[in-house]
Structure formats: C-alpha cells, structure tokens
C-alpha cells in the first residue's frame, strides 16, 4: 500500500463525547473511512500513519439522515465508521498540547 493510498482509506477522526469516553476508558479511536475499504486495510493504514499497534477493528455502515429545508426533502450521504482498538500503552493524540 502506497502512502497516498493511506489517506484515501482514513477520511477523518470522529471526535464526539462517546468517542472521547471510549478513547479514555477502552483505548479505542473512531474514524470515518472510505466506504469501499475493509478491516485489514484500515488496520494497515492506522499502524503506518500513526505508528501504533492495532488489536482489532470494528466497522459499521451509518445511514445518512433525512433532512428538510422548507418543502424540499433531501438525504445526507451514507458513510462508514471504523472503531479501532489500540494495544495497551499505545496512544493517538489528535489535539496535542491541550
């Protein structure tokens, strides 16, 4: 896997209250990923980009919400989420110095 491909696998980290609690308690980090990737590709991308050891990867498809603006009804895109469990002692810091 080339370095450019790694950035196509992981789109962005998901920073939410629930994700922050999972990070602190269970050493799990949540990412939005490309909808065509599998667990193996996500594991390789996280290990290469952040230089950490990954124990497991759980993935789920998230349905886009229906949104309405006046009488127009639309739908947000469906997307894929990956919950990455890191090895004991490993960390990924998105906001360093805070």
C-alpha atoms as a PDB file:
ATOM      1  CA  UNK A   1       0.000   0.000   0.000  1.00  0.00           C
ATOM      2  CA  UNK A   2       1.441   3.363  -1.056  1.00  0.00           C
ATOM      3  CA  UNK A   3       1.489   6.400   1.235  1.00  0.00           C
ATOM      4  CA  UNK A   4      -1.113   8.198  -0.913  1.00  0.00           C
ATOM      5  CA  UNK A   5      -3.495   5.255  -0.535  1.00  0.00           C
ATOM      6  CA  UNK A   6      -3.374   5.555   3.268  1.00  0.00           C
ATOM      7  CA  UNK A   7      -5.018   8.964   3.112  1.00  0.00           C
ATOM      8  CA  UNK A   8      -7.768   7.562   0.868  1.00  0.00           C
ATOM      9  CA  UNK A   9      -8.586   4.867   3.462  1.00  0.00           C
ATOM     10  CA  UNK A  10      -8.961   7.136   6.508  1.00  0.00           C
ATOM     11  CA  UNK A  11     -11.049  10.247   5.872  1.00  0.00           C
ATOM     12  CA  UNK A  12     -11.104  11.879   9.329  1.00  0.00           C
ATOM     13  CA  UNK A  13     -11.231  11.100  13.032  1.00  0.00           C
ATOM     14  CA  UNK A  14     -14.660  11.304  14.657  1.00  0.00           C
ATOM     15  CA  UNK A  15     -14.405  13.471  17.774  1.00  0.00           C
ATOM     16  CA  UNK A  16     -17.581  13.095  19.824  1.00  0.00           C
ATOM     17  CA  UNK A  17     -18.414  12.719  23.504  1.00  0.00           C
ATOM     18  CA  UNK A  18     -18.929   8.985  23.144  1.00  0.00           C
ATOM     19  CA  UNK A  19     -15.730   8.602  21.113  1.00  0.00           C
ATOM     20  CA  UNK A  20     -13.727  10.522  23.719  1.00  0.00           C
ATOM     21  CA  UNK A  21     -15.046   8.288  26.515  1.00  0.00           C
ATOM     22  CA  UNK A  22     -14.148   5.176  24.510  1.00  0.00           C
ATOM     23  CA  UNK A  23     -10.660   6.568  23.950  1.00  0.00           C
ATOM     24  CA  UNK A  24     -10.106   7.214  27.668  1.00  0.00           C
ATOM     25  CA  UNK A  25     -11.686   4.019  29.061  1.00  0.00           C
ATOM     26  CA  UNK A  26     -11.065   1.348  26.421  1.00  0.00           C
ATOM     27  CA  UNK A  27      -8.241   2.799  24.279  1.00  0.00           C
ATOM     28  CA  UNK A  28     -10.465   2.902  21.161  1.00  0.00           C
ATOM     29  CA  UNK A  29     -10.327   5.531  18.414  1.00  0.00           C
ATOM     30  CA  UNK A  30     -13.119   6.222  15.888  1.00  0.00           C
ATOM     31  CA  UNK A  31     -12.543   7.161  12.228  1.00  0.00           C
ATOM     32  CA  UNK A  32     -14.695   7.882   9.211  1.00  0.00           C
ATOM     33  CA  UNK A  33     -13.337   5.653   6.451  1.00  0.00           C
ATOM     34  CA  UNK A  34     -13.825   5.154   2.746  1.00  0.00           C
ATOM     35  CA  UNK A  35     -16.962   3.075   2.127  1.00  0.00           C
ATOM     36  CA  UNK A  36     -15.049   0.539  -0.016  1.00  0.00           C
ATOM     37  CA  UNK A  37     -12.310  -0.461   2.441  1.00  0.00           C
ATOM     38  CA  UNK A  38     -12.164  -3.484   4.735  1.00  0.00           C
ATOM     39  CA  UNK A  39     -10.833  -4.086   8.259  1.00  0.00           C
ATOM     40  CA  UNK A  40      -7.388  -5.199   7.080  1.00  0.00           C
ATOM     41  CA  UNK A  41      -6.829  -2.027   5.054  1.00  0.00           C
ATOM     42  CA  UNK A  42      -7.960   0.169   7.965  1.00  0.00           C
ATOM     43  CA  UNK A  43      -5.606  -1.660  10.356  1.00  0.00           C
ATOM     44  CA  UNK A  44      -2.628  -1.257   7.998  1.00  0.00           C
ATOM     45  CA  UNK A  45      -3.385   2.439   7.413  1.00  0.00           C
ATOM     46  CA  UNK A  46      -3.669   3.266  11.141  1.00  0.00           C
ATOM     47  CA  UNK A  47      -0.499   1.336  12.011  1.00  0.00           C
ATOM     48  CA  UNK A  48       1.501   3.009   9.235  1.00  0.00           C
ATOM     49  CA  UNK A  49       0.221   6.574   9.682  1.00  0.00           C
ATOM     50  CA  UNK A  50       0.237   6.777  13.483  1.00  0.00           C
ATOM     51  CA  UNK A  51       2.977   4.188  14.220  1.00  0.00           C
ATOM     52  CA  UNK A  52       0.871   2.262  16.762  1.00  0.00           C
ATOM     53  CA  UNK A  53      -0.154  -1.391  17.201  1.00  0.00           C
ATOM     54  CA  UNK A  54      -3.814  -2.215  16.490  1.00  0.00           C
ATOM     55  CA  UNK A  55      -5.545  -5.093  18.285  1.00  0.00           C
ATOM     56  CA  UNK A  56      -8.849  -5.059  16.390  1.00  0.00           C
ATOM     57  CA  UNK A  57     -11.048  -3.072  14.042  1.00  0.00           C
ATOM     58  CA  UNK A  58     -14.859  -2.976  14.179  1.00  0.00           C
ATOM     59  CA  UNK A  59     -16.700  -1.396  11.264  1.00  0.00           C
ATOM     60  CA  UNK A  60     -20.248  -0.239  10.659  1.00  0.00           C
ATOM     61  CA  UNK A  61     -22.245   1.391   7.885  1.00  0.00           C
ATOM     62  CA  UNK A  62     -24.017   4.560   9.009  1.00  0.00           C
ATOM     63  CA  UNK A  63     -27.166   5.584   7.172  1.00  0.00           C
ATOM     64  CA  UNK A  64     -27.382   9.246   6.175  1.00  0.00           C
ATOM     65  CA  UNK A  65     -30.093  11.302   7.849  1.00  0.00           C
ATOM     66  CA  UNK A  66     -33.075  12.697   6.007  1.00  0.00           C
ATOM     67  CA  UNK A  67     -33.018  16.489   6.083  1.00  0.00           C
ATOM     68  CA  UNK A  68     -35.634  19.013   5.120  1.00  0.00           C
ATOM     69  CA  UNK A  69     -35.299  22.626   4.048  1.00  0.00           C
ATOM     70  CA  UNK A  70     -38.742  24.145   3.533  1.00  0.00           C
ATOM     71  CA  UNK A  71     -40.677  21.829   1.269  1.00  0.00           C
ATOM     72  CA  UNK A  72     -37.540  20.243  -0.178  1.00  0.00           C
ATOM     73  CA  UNK A  73     -36.551  16.908   1.324  1.00  0.00           C
ATOM     74  CA  UNK A  74     -33.023  15.570   0.900  1.00  0.00           C
ATOM     75  CA  UNK A  75     -30.760  12.930   2.359  1.00  0.00           C
ATOM     76  CA  UNK A  76     -27.195  13.082   3.587  1.00  0.00           C
ATOM     77  CA  UNK A  77     -24.777  10.527   2.193  1.00  0.00           C
ATOM     78  CA  UNK A  78     -24.338   7.119   3.814  1.00  0.00           C
ATOM     79  CA  UNK A  79     -20.868   6.594   5.296  1.00  0.00           C
ATOM     80  CA  UNK A  80     -18.704   4.012   7.026  1.00  0.00           C
ATOM     81  CA  UNK A  81     -17.270   4.184  10.532  1.00  0.00           C
ATOM     82  CA  UNK A  82     -14.355   2.207  11.989  1.00  0.00           C
ATOM     83  CA  UNK A  83     -13.691   1.742  15.713  1.00  0.00           C
ATOM     84  CA  UNK A  84     -10.005   0.867  16.161  1.00  0.00           C
ATOM     85  CA  UNK A  85      -8.842  -0.781  19.398  1.00  0.00           C
ATOM     86  CA  UNK A  86      -5.216   0.031  20.189  1.00  0.00           C
ATOM     87  CA  UNK A  87      -2.755  -2.149  22.073  1.00  0.00           C
ATOM     88  CA  UNK A  88      -2.264  -1.400  25.793  1.00  0.00           C
ATOM     89  CA  UNK A  89       0.076   1.577  26.220  1.00  0.00           C
ATOM     90  CA  UNK A  90      -0.426   2.918  22.660  1.00  0.00           C
ATOM     91  CA  UNK A  91      -1.993   6.350  22.069  1.00  0.00           C
ATOM     92  CA  UNK A  92      -3.114   8.592  19.236  1.00  0.00           C
ATOM     93  CA  UNK A  93      -3.322  12.279  20.135  1.00  0.00           C
ATOM     94  CA  UNK A  94      -5.302  14.444  17.737  1.00  0.00           C
ATOM     95  CA  UNK A  95      -5.058  17.598  19.869  1.00  0.00           C
ATOM     96  CA  UNK A  96      -1.577  17.719  21.306  1.00  0.00           C
ATOM     97  CA  UNK A  97      -0.800  20.423  23.831  1.00  0.00           C
ATOM     98  CA  UNK A  98      -4.367  20.821  25.066  1.00  0.00           C
END
